[in-house]
Amino acid sequence: GLAVAEAFSAKGDRVVGLDVDGAALNAIDLPGFEGI
């Protein structure tokens, strides 16, 4: 899932990432990425 988020982010897309692991989501720093 993280690799997929990275790939779409690299294409300039807005990525909304869902996961139960809030700490891991908060550690993601990608352009256009929003963790929920």
Full PDB file with SEQRES, HELIX, SHEET, SSBOND, CRYST1, ORIGX, SCALE, CONECT and MASTER records, all heavy atoms in Angstrom:
SEQRES   1 A   36  GLY LEU ALA VAL ALA GLU ALA PHE SER ALA LYS GLY ASP          
SEQRES   2 A   36  ARG VAL VAL GLY LEU ASP VAL ASP GLY ALA ALA LEU ASN          
SEQRES   3 A   36  ALA ILE ASP LEU PRO GLY PHE GLU GLY ILE                      
HELIX    1 AA1 LEU A    2  ALA A   10  1                                   9    
HELIX    2 AA2 GLY A   22  ASN A   26  1                                   5    
SHEET    1 AA1 2 VAL A  15  GLY A  17  0                                        
SHEET    2 AA1 2 PHE A  33  GLY A  35  1                                        
CRYST1    1.000    1.000    1.000  90.00  90.00  90.00 P 1           1          
ORIGX1      1.000000  0.000000  0.000000        0.00000                         
ORIGX2      0.000000  1.000000  0.000000        0.00000                         
ORIGX3      0.000000  0.000000  1.000000        0.00000                         
SCALE1      1.000000  0.000000  0.000000        0.00000                         
SCALE2      0.000000  1.000000  0.000000        0.00000                         
SCALE3      0.000000  0.000000  1.000000        0.00000                         
ATOM      1  N   GLY A   1       0.810  -1.215   0.000  1.00  0.00           N  
ATOM      2  CA  GLY A   1       0.000   0.000   0.000  1.00  0.00           C  
ATOM      3  C   GLY A   1       0.839   1.259   0.000  1.00  0.00           C  
ATOM      4  O   GLY A   1       0.527   2.228  -0.713  1.00  0.00           O  
ATOM      5  N   LEU A   2       1.906   1.265   0.787  1.00  0.00           N  
ATOM      6  CA  LEU A   2       2.789   2.431   0.820  1.00  0.00           C  
ATOM      7  C   LEU A   2       3.486   2.615  -0.521  1.00  0.00           C  
ATOM      8  O   LEU A   2       3.599   3.746  -1.026  1.00  0.00           O  
ATOM      9  CB  LEU A   2       3.819   2.282   1.936  1.00  0.00           C  
ATOM     10  CG  LEU A   2       4.862   3.399   2.052  1.00  0.00           C  
ATOM     11  CD1 LEU A   2       4.204   4.764   2.209  1.00  0.00           C  
ATOM     12  CD2 LEU A   2       5.811   3.113   3.214  1.00  0.00           C  
ATOM     13  N   ALA A   3       3.940   1.518  -1.127  1.00  0.00           N  
ATOM     14  CA  ALA A   3       4.582   1.608  -2.443  1.00  0.00           C  
ATOM     15  C   ALA A   3       3.617   2.158  -3.484  1.00  0.00           C  
ATOM     16  O   ALA A   3       4.003   2.959  -4.349  1.00  0.00           O  
ATOM     17  CB  ALA A   3       5.108   0.235  -2.868  1.00  0.00           C  
ATOM     18  N   VAL A   4       2.353   1.747  -3.407  1.00  0.00           N  
ATOM     19  CA  VAL A   4       1.341   2.250  -4.341  1.00  0.00           C  
ATOM     20  C   VAL A   4       1.119   3.745  -4.111  1.00  0.00           C  
ATOM     21  O   VAL A   4       1.048   4.534  -5.065  1.00  0.00           O  
ATOM     22  CB  VAL A   4       0.021   1.470  -4.179  1.00  0.00           C  
ATOM     23  CG1 VAL A   4      -1.102   2.135  -4.956  1.00  0.00           C  
ATOM     24  CG2 VAL A   4       0.207   0.030  -4.647  1.00  0.00           C  
ATOM     25  N   ALA A   5       1.017   4.152  -2.854  1.00  0.00           N  
ATOM     26  CA  ALA A   5       0.851   5.575  -2.546  1.00  0.00           C  
ATOM     27  C   ALA A   5       2.024   6.389  -3.078  1.00  0.00           C  
ATOM     28  O   ALA A   5       1.844   7.471  -3.654  1.00  0.00           O  
ATOM     29  CB  ALA A   5       0.703   5.766  -1.038  1.00  0.00           C  
ATOM     30  N   GLU A   6       3.220   5.881  -2.904  1.00  0.00           N  
ATOM     31  CA  GLU A   6       4.412   6.571  -3.398  1.00  0.00           C  
ATOM     32  C   GLU A   6       4.383   6.705  -4.917  1.00  0.00           C  
ATOM     33  O   GLU A   6       4.746   7.758  -5.461  1.00  0.00           O  
ATOM     34  CB  GLU A   6       5.670   5.820  -2.954  1.00  0.00           C  
ATOM     35  CG  GLU A   6       5.931   5.896  -1.460  1.00  0.00           C  
ATOM     36  CD  GLU A   6       7.045   4.962  -1.006  1.00  0.00           C  
ATOM     37  OE1 GLU A   6       7.342   3.983  -1.722  1.00  0.00           O  
ATOM     38  OE2 GLU A   6       7.596   5.191   0.083  1.00  0.00           O  
ATOM     39  N   ALA A   7       3.957   5.649  -5.602  1.00  0.00           N  
ATOM     40  CA  ALA A   7       3.946   5.658  -7.068  1.00  0.00           C  
ATOM     41  C   ALA A   7       2.957   6.673  -7.618  1.00  0.00           C  
ATOM     42  O   ALA A   7       3.270   7.430  -8.551  1.00  0.00           O  
ATOM     43  CB  ALA A   7       3.621   4.254  -7.589  1.00  0.00           C  
ATOM     44  N   PHE A   8       1.753   6.715  -7.055  1.00  0.00           N  
ATOM     45  CA  PHE A   8       0.762   7.682  -7.536  1.00  0.00           C  
ATOM     46  C   PHE A   8       1.151   9.105  -7.145  1.00  0.00           C  
ATOM     47  O   PHE A   8       0.942  10.052  -7.919  1.00  0.00           O  
ATOM     48  CB  PHE A   8      -0.633   7.329  -7.025  1.00  0.00           C  
ATOM     49  CG  PHE A   8      -1.305   6.242  -7.810  1.00  0.00           C  
ATOM     50  CD1 PHE A   8      -1.272   4.926  -7.379  1.00  0.00           C  
ATOM     51  CD2 PHE A   8      -1.963   6.525  -8.996  1.00  0.00           C  
ATOM     52  CE1 PHE A   8      -1.886   3.916  -8.101  1.00  0.00           C  
ATOM     53  CE2 PHE A   8      -2.587   5.531  -9.735  1.00  0.00           C  
ATOM     54  CZ  PHE A   8      -2.544   4.214  -9.288  1.00  0.00           C  
ATOM     55  N   SER A   9       1.723   9.282  -5.970  1.00  0.00           N  
ATOM     56  CA  SER A   9       2.208  10.596  -5.564  1.00  0.00           C  
ATOM     57  C   SER A   9       3.265  11.105  -6.533  1.00  0.00           C  
ATOM     58  O   SER A   9       3.267  12.291  -6.906  1.00  0.00           O  
ATOM     59  CB  SER A   9       2.783  10.531  -4.147  1.00  0.00           C  
ATOM     60  OG  SER A   9       3.432  11.732  -3.803  1.00  0.00           O  
ATOM     61  N   ALA A  10       4.163  10.218  -6.957  1.00  0.00           N  
ATOM     62  CA  ALA A  10       5.227  10.608  -7.890  1.00  0.00           C  
ATOM     63  C   ALA A  10       4.675  11.040  -9.245  1.00  0.00           C  
ATOM     64  O   ALA A  10       5.339  11.776  -9.990  1.00  0.00           O  
ATOM     65  CB  ALA A  10       6.212   9.451  -8.070  1.00  0.00           C  
ATOM     66  N   LYS A  11       3.455  10.593  -9.568  1.00  0.00           N  
ATOM     67  CA  LYS A  11       2.798  10.997 -10.814  1.00  0.00           C  
ATOM     68  C   LYS A  11       2.070  12.339 -10.672  1.00  0.00           C  
ATOM     69  O   LYS A  11       1.468  12.821 -11.623  1.00  0.00           O  
ATOM     70  CB  LYS A  11       1.803   9.919 -11.252  1.00  0.00           C  
ATOM     71  CG  LYS A  11       2.452   8.629 -11.727  1.00  0.00           C  
ATOM     72  CD  LYS A  11       3.182   8.825 -13.038  1.00  0.00           C  
ATOM     73  CE  LYS A  11       3.716   7.513 -13.587  1.00  0.00           C  
ATOM     74  NZ  LYS A  11       4.471   7.711 -14.846  1.00  0.00           N  
ATOM     75  N   GLY A  12       2.093  12.897  -9.481  1.00  0.00           N  
ATOM     76  CA  GLY A  12       1.418  14.168  -9.258  1.00  0.00           C  
ATOM     77  C   GLY A  12      -0.021  14.049  -8.819  1.00  0.00           C  
ATOM     78  O   GLY A  12      -0.753  15.052  -8.793  1.00  0.00           O  
ATOM     79  N   ASP A  13      -0.448  12.832  -8.452  1.00  0.00           N  
ATOM     80  CA  ASP A  13      -1.827  12.628  -8.031  1.00  0.00           C  
ATOM     81  C   ASP A  13      -2.009  12.988  -6.559  1.00  0.00           C  
ATOM     82  O   ASP A  13      -1.068  12.950  -5.764  1.00  0.00           O  
ATOM     83  CB  ASP A  13      -2.232  11.166  -8.240  1.00  0.00           C  
ATOM     84  CG  ASP A  13      -2.260  10.781  -9.708  1.00  0.00           C  
ATOM     85  OD1 ASP A  13      -2.720  11.605 -10.524  1.00  0.00           O  
ATOM     86  OD2 ASP A  13      -1.814   9.672 -10.052  1.00  0.00           O  
ATOM     87  N   ARG A  14      -3.253  13.313  -6.203  1.00  0.00           N  
ATOM     88  CA  ARG A  14      -3.609  13.485  -4.801  1.00  0.00           C  
ATOM     89  C   ARG A  14      -3.961  12.114  -4.256  1.00  0.00           C  
ATOM     90  O   ARG A  14      -4.870  11.459  -4.762  1.00  0.00           O  
ATOM     91  CB  ARG A  14      -4.795  14.435  -4.644  1.00  0.00           C  
ATOM     92  CG  ARG A  14      -5.243  14.600  -3.192  1.00  0.00           C  
ATOM     93  CD  ARG A  14      -6.281  15.662  -3.030  1.00  0.00           C  
ATOM     94  NE  ARG A  14      -5.724  16.988  -3.307  1.00  0.00           N  
ATOM     95  CZ  ARG A  14      -4.994  17.691  -2.439  1.00  0.00           C  
ATOM     96  NH1 ARG A  14      -4.700  17.187  -1.253  1.00  0.00           N  
ATOM     97  NH2 ARG A  14      -4.560  18.892  -2.763  1.00  0.00           N  
ATOM     98  N   VAL A  15      -3.245  11.672  -3.241  1.00  0.00           N  
ATOM     99  CA  VAL A  15      -3.422  10.332  -2.700  1.00  0.00           C  
ATOM    100  C   VAL A  15      -3.989  10.419  -1.292  1.00  0.00           C  
ATOM    101  O   VAL A  15      -3.405  11.060  -0.416  1.00  0.00           O  
ATOM    102  CB  VAL A  15      -2.087   9.556  -2.678  1.00  0.00           C  
ATOM    103  CG1 VAL A  15      -2.301   8.154  -2.111  1.00  0.00           C  
ATOM    104  CG2 VAL A  15      -1.478   9.476  -4.078  1.00  0.00           C  
ATOM    105  N   VAL A  16      -5.125   9.767  -1.090  1.00  0.00           N  
ATOM    106  CA  VAL A  16      -5.717   9.650   0.236  1.00  0.00           C  
ATOM    107  C   VAL A  16      -5.462   8.226   0.715  1.00  0.00           C  
ATOM    108  O   VAL A  16      -5.993   7.263   0.152  1.00  0.00           O  
ATOM    109  CB  VAL A  16      -7.224   9.950   0.212  1.00  0.00           C  
ATOM    110  CG1 VAL A  16      -7.817   9.810   1.604  1.00  0.00           C  
ATOM    111  CG2 VAL A  16      -7.479  11.347  -0.353  1.00  0.00           C  
ATOM    112  N   GLY A  17      -4.605   8.096   1.729  1.00  0.00           N  
ATOM    113  CA  GLY A  17      -4.232   6.787   2.231  1.00  0.00           C  
ATOM    114  C   GLY A  17      -4.995   6.434   3.488  1.00  0.00           C  
ATOM    115  O   GLY A  17      -5.019   7.207   4.448  1.00  0.00           O  
ATOM    116  N   LEU A  18      -5.644   5.278   3.490  1.00  0.00           N  
ATOM    117  CA  LEU A  18      -6.393   4.808   4.648  1.00  0.00           C  
ATOM    118  C   LEU A  18      -5.640   3.670   5.326  1.00  0.00           C  
ATOM    119  O   LEU A  18      -5.078   2.801   4.657  1.00  0.00           O  
ATOM    120  CB  LEU A  18      -7.777   4.310   4.242  1.00  0.00           C  
ATOM    121  CG  LEU A  18      -8.626   5.188   3.315  1.00  0.00           C  
ATOM    122  CD1 LEU A  18     -10.005   4.566   3.140  1.00  0.00           C  
ATOM    123  CD2 LEU A  18      -8.723   6.602   3.833  1.00  0.00           C  
ATOM    124  N   ASP A  19      -5.642   3.669   6.640  1.00  0.00           N  
ATOM    125  CA  ASP A  19      -5.007   2.585   7.386  1.00  0.00           C  
ATOM    126  C   ASP A  19      -5.448   2.690   8.841  1.00  0.00           C  
ATOM    127  O   ASP A  19      -5.860   3.757   9.303  1.00  0.00           O  
ATOM    128  CB  ASP A  19      -3.478   2.671   7.298  1.00  0.00           C  
ATOM    129  CG  ASP A  19      -2.806   1.314   7.442  1.00  0.00           C  
ATOM    130  OD1 ASP A  19      -2.797   0.765   8.562  1.00  0.00           O  
ATOM    131  OD2 ASP A  19      -2.305   0.785   6.426  1.00  0.00           O  
ATOM    132  N   VAL A  20      -5.339   1.575   9.568  1.00  0.00           N  
ATOM    133  CA  VAL A  20      -5.635   1.605  11.002  1.00  0.00           C  
ATOM    134  C   VAL A  20      -4.428   2.069  11.811  1.00  0.00           C  
ATOM    135  O   VAL A  20      -4.565   2.402  12.982  1.00  0.00           O  
ATOM    136  CB  VAL A  20      -6.094   0.216  11.506  1.00  0.00           C  
ATOM    137  CG1 VAL A  20      -7.427  -0.169  10.889  1.00  0.00           C  
ATOM    138  CG2 VAL A  20      -5.045  -0.851  11.229  1.00  0.00           C  
ATOM    139  N   ASP A  21      -3.256   2.082  11.197  1.00  0.00           N  
ATOM    140  CA  ASP A  21      -2.013   2.455  11.883  1.00  0.00           C  
ATOM    141  C   ASP A  21      -1.772   3.956  11.732  1.00  0.00           C  
ATOM    142  O   ASP A  21      -1.117   4.407  10.788  1.00  0.00           O  
ATOM    143  CB  ASP A  21      -0.849   1.651  11.317  1.00  0.00           C  
ATOM    144  CG  ASP A  21       0.432   1.793  12.117  1.00  0.00           C  
ATOM    145  OD1 ASP A  21       0.546   2.783  12.869  1.00  0.00           O  
ATOM    146  OD2 ASP A  21       1.318   0.929  11.994  1.00  0.00           O  
ATOM    147  N   GLY A  22      -2.294   4.722  12.664  1.00  0.00           N  
ATOM    148  CA  GLY A  22      -2.168   6.166  12.571  1.00  0.00           C  
ATOM    149  C   GLY A  22      -0.740   6.654  12.673  1.00  0.00           C  
ATOM    150  O   GLY A  22      -0.346   7.601  11.980  1.00  0.00           O  
ATOM    151  N   ALA A  23       0.065   6.021  13.506  1.00  0.00           N  
ATOM    152  CA  ALA A  23       1.459   6.451  13.665  1.00  0.00           C  
ATOM    153  C   ALA A  23       2.230   6.285  12.368  1.00  0.00           C  
ATOM    154  O   ALA A  23       3.002   7.167  11.968  1.00  0.00           O  
ATOM    155  CB  ALA A  23       2.128   5.664  14.788  1.00  0.00           C  
ATOM    156  N   ALA A  24       2.026   5.157  11.695  1.00  0.00           N  
ATOM    157  CA  ALA A  24       2.715   4.927  10.419  1.00  0.00           C  
ATOM    158  C   ALA A  24       2.232   5.898   9.351  1.00  0.00           C  
ATOM    159  O   ALA A  24       3.023   6.386   8.543  1.00  0.00           O  
ATOM    160  CB  ALA A  24       2.516   3.481   9.964  1.00  0.00           C  
ATOM    161  N   LEU A  25       0.935   6.180   9.336  1.00  0.00           N  
ATOM    162  CA  LEU A  25       0.404   7.155   8.380  1.00  0.00           C  
ATOM    163  C   LEU A  25       1.017   8.529   8.605  1.00  0.00           C  
ATOM    164  O   LEU A  25       1.396   9.226   7.653  1.00  0.00           O  
ATOM    165  CB  LEU A  25      -1.118   7.262   8.510  1.00  0.00           C  
ATOM    166  CG  LEU A  25      -1.995   6.209   7.842  1.00  0.00           C  
ATOM    167  CD1 LEU A  25      -3.453   6.501   8.135  1.00  0.00           C  
ATOM    168  CD2 LEU A  25      -1.758   6.140   6.339  1.00  0.00           C  
ATOM    169  N   ASN A  26       1.133   8.934   9.862  1.00  0.00           N  
ATOM    170  CA  ASN A  26       1.670  10.253  10.181  1.00  0.00           C  
ATOM    171  C   ASN A  26       3.133  10.393   9.783  1.00  0.00           C  
ATOM    172  O   ASN A  26       3.624  11.513   9.584  1.00  0.00           O  
ATOM    173  CB  ASN A  26       1.512  10.545  11.677  1.00  0.00           C  
ATOM    174  CG  ASN A  26       0.066  10.788  12.063  1.00  0.00           C  
ATOM    175  OD1 ASN A  26      -0.750  11.174  11.241  1.00  0.00           O  
ATOM    176  ND2 ASN A  26      -0.264  10.537  13.325  1.00  0.00           N  
ATOM    177  N   ALA A  27       3.830   9.267   9.667  1.00  0.00           N  
ATOM    178  CA  ALA A  27       5.248   9.305   9.306  1.00  0.00           C  
ATOM    179  C   ALA A  27       5.466   9.426   7.798  1.00  0.00           C  
ATOM    180  O   ALA A  27       6.594   9.633   7.348  1.00  0.00           O  
ATOM    181  CB  ALA A  27       5.945   8.046   9.821  1.00  0.00           C  
ATOM    182  N   ILE A  28       4.393   9.303   7.010  1.00  0.00           N  
ATOM    183  CA  ILE A  28       4.519   9.370   5.553  1.00  0.00           C  
ATOM    184  C   ILE A  28       4.587  10.827   5.110  1.00  0.00           C  
ATOM    185  O   ILE A  28       3.712  11.624   5.438  1.00  0.00           O  
ATOM    186  CB  ILE A  28       3.335   8.651   4.872  1.00  0.00           C  
ATOM    187  CG1 ILE A  28       3.333   7.170   5.247  1.00  0.00           C  
ATOM    188  CG2 ILE A  28       3.401   8.814   3.355  1.00  0.00           C  
ATOM    189  CD1 ILE A  28       2.091   6.424   4.779  1.00  0.00           C  
ATOM    190  N   ASP A  29       5.618  11.147   4.356  1.00  0.00           N  
ATOM    191  CA  ASP A  29       5.803  12.511   3.853  1.00  0.00           C  
ATOM    192  C   ASP A  29       5.938  12.458   2.339  1.00  0.00           C  
ATOM    193  O   ASP A  29       7.024  12.263   1.794  1.00  0.00           O  
ATOM    194  CB  ASP A  29       7.060  13.126   4.481  1.00  0.00           C  
ATOM    195  CG  ASP A  29       7.265  14.582   4.053  1.00  0.00           C  
ATOM    196  OD1 ASP A  29       6.310  15.181   3.531  1.00  0.00           O  
ATOM    197  OD2 ASP A  29       8.393  15.098   4.230  1.00  0.00           O  
ATOM    198  N   LEU A  30       4.795  12.585   1.665  1.00  0.00           N  
ATOM    199  CA  LEU A  30       4.757  12.512   0.208  1.00  0.00           C  
ATOM    200  C   LEU A  30       3.979  13.705  -0.328  1.00  0.00           C  
ATOM    201  O   LEU A  30       2.989  14.122   0.266  1.00  0.00           O  
ATOM    202  CB  LEU A  30       4.052  11.226  -0.256  1.00  0.00           C  
ATOM    203  CG  LEU A  30       4.695   9.887   0.072  1.00  0.00           C  
ATOM    204  CD1 LEU A  30       3.730   8.755  -0.265  1.00  0.00           C  
ATOM    205  CD2 LEU A  30       6.005   9.713  -0.695  1.00  0.00           C  
ATOM    206  N   PRO A  31       4.380  14.244  -1.472  1.00  0.00           N  
ATOM    207  CA  PRO A  31       3.600  15.336  -2.075  1.00  0.00           C  
ATOM    208  C   PRO A  31       2.171  14.901  -2.364  1.00  0.00           C  
ATOM    209  O   PRO A  31       1.947  13.826  -2.922  1.00  0.00           O  
ATOM    210  CB  PRO A  31       4.362  15.627  -3.378  1.00  0.00           C  
ATOM    211  CG  PRO A  31       5.738  15.106  -3.148  1.00  0.00           C  
ATOM    212  CD  PRO A  31       5.587  13.910  -2.255  1.00  0.00           C  
ATOM    213  N   GLY A  32       1.213  15.707  -1.960  1.00  0.00           N  
ATOM    214  CA  GLY A  32      -0.182  15.418  -2.252  1.00  0.00           C  
ATOM    215  C   GLY A  32      -0.781  14.276  -1.470  1.00  0.00           C  
ATOM    216  O   GLY A  32      -1.869  13.796  -1.803  1.00  0.00           O  
ATOM    217  N   PHE A  33      -0.098  13.824  -0.397  1.00  0.00           N  
ATOM    218  CA  PHE A  33      -0.594  12.674   0.371  1.00  0.00           C  
ATOM    219  C   PHE A  33      -1.343  13.137   1.606  1.00  0.00           C  
ATOM    220  O   PHE A  33      -0.900  14.035   2.324  1.00  0.00           O  
ATOM    221  CB  PHE A  33       0.553  11.763   0.804  1.00  0.00           C  
ATOM    222  CG  PHE A  33       0.101  10.575   1.621  1.00  0.00           C  
ATOM    223  CD1 PHE A  33      -0.352   9.432   1.001  1.00  0.00           C  
ATOM    224  CD2 PHE A  33       0.125  10.615   3.017  1.00  0.00           C  
ATOM    225  CE1 PHE A  33      -0.784   8.337   1.748  1.00  0.00           C  
ATOM    226  CE2 PHE A  33      -0.294   9.533   3.768  1.00  0.00           C  
ATOM    227  CZ  PHE A  33      -0.750   8.386   3.138  1.00  0.00           C  
ATOM    228  N   GLU A  34      -2.482  12.497   1.841  1.00  0.00           N  
ATOM    229  CA  GLU A  34      -3.266  12.740   3.047  1.00  0.00           C  
ATOM    230  C   GLU A  34      -3.580  11.396   3.690  1.00  0.00           C  
ATOM    231  O   GLU A  34      -4.146  10.510   3.052  1.00  0.00           O  
ATOM    232  CB  GLU A  34      -4.570  13.457   2.677  1.00  0.00           C  
ATOM    233  CG  GLU A  34      -5.545  13.605   3.830  1.00  0.00           C  
ATOM    234  CD  GLU A  34      -6.904  14.122   3.384  1.00  0.00           C  
ATOM    235  OE1 GLU A  34      -7.070  14.401   2.170  1.00  0.00           O  
ATOM    236  OE2 GLU A  34      -7.790  14.235   4.236  1.00  0.00           O  
ATOM    237  N   GLY A  35      -3.202  11.220   4.946  1.00  0.00           N  
ATOM    238  CA  GLY A  35      -3.480   9.979   5.653  1.00  0.00           C  
ATOM    239  C   GLY A  35      -4.717  10.102   6.518  1.00  0.00           C  
ATOM    240  O   GLY A  35      -4.904  11.101   7.216  1.00  0.00           O  
ATOM    241  N   ILE A  36      -5.572   9.101   6.468  1.00  0.00           N  
ATOM    242  CA  ILE A  36      -6.787   9.067   7.287  1.00  0.00           C  
ATOM    243  C   ILE A  36      -6.835   7.729   8.011  1.00  0.00           C  
ATOM    244  O   ILE A  36      -6.786   6.667   7.376  1.00  0.00           O  
ATOM    245  CB  ILE A  36      -8.056   9.241   6.442  1.00  0.00           C  
ATOM    246  CG1 ILE A  36      -8.049  10.602   5.724  1.00  0.00           C  
ATOM    247  CG2 ILE A  36      -9.301   9.105   7.301  1.00  0.00           C  
ATOM    248  CD1 ILE A  36      -9.234  10.817   4.802  1.00  0.00           C  
TER     249      ILE A  36                                                      
MASTER        0    0    0    2    2    0    0    6  248    1    0    3          
END                                                                             
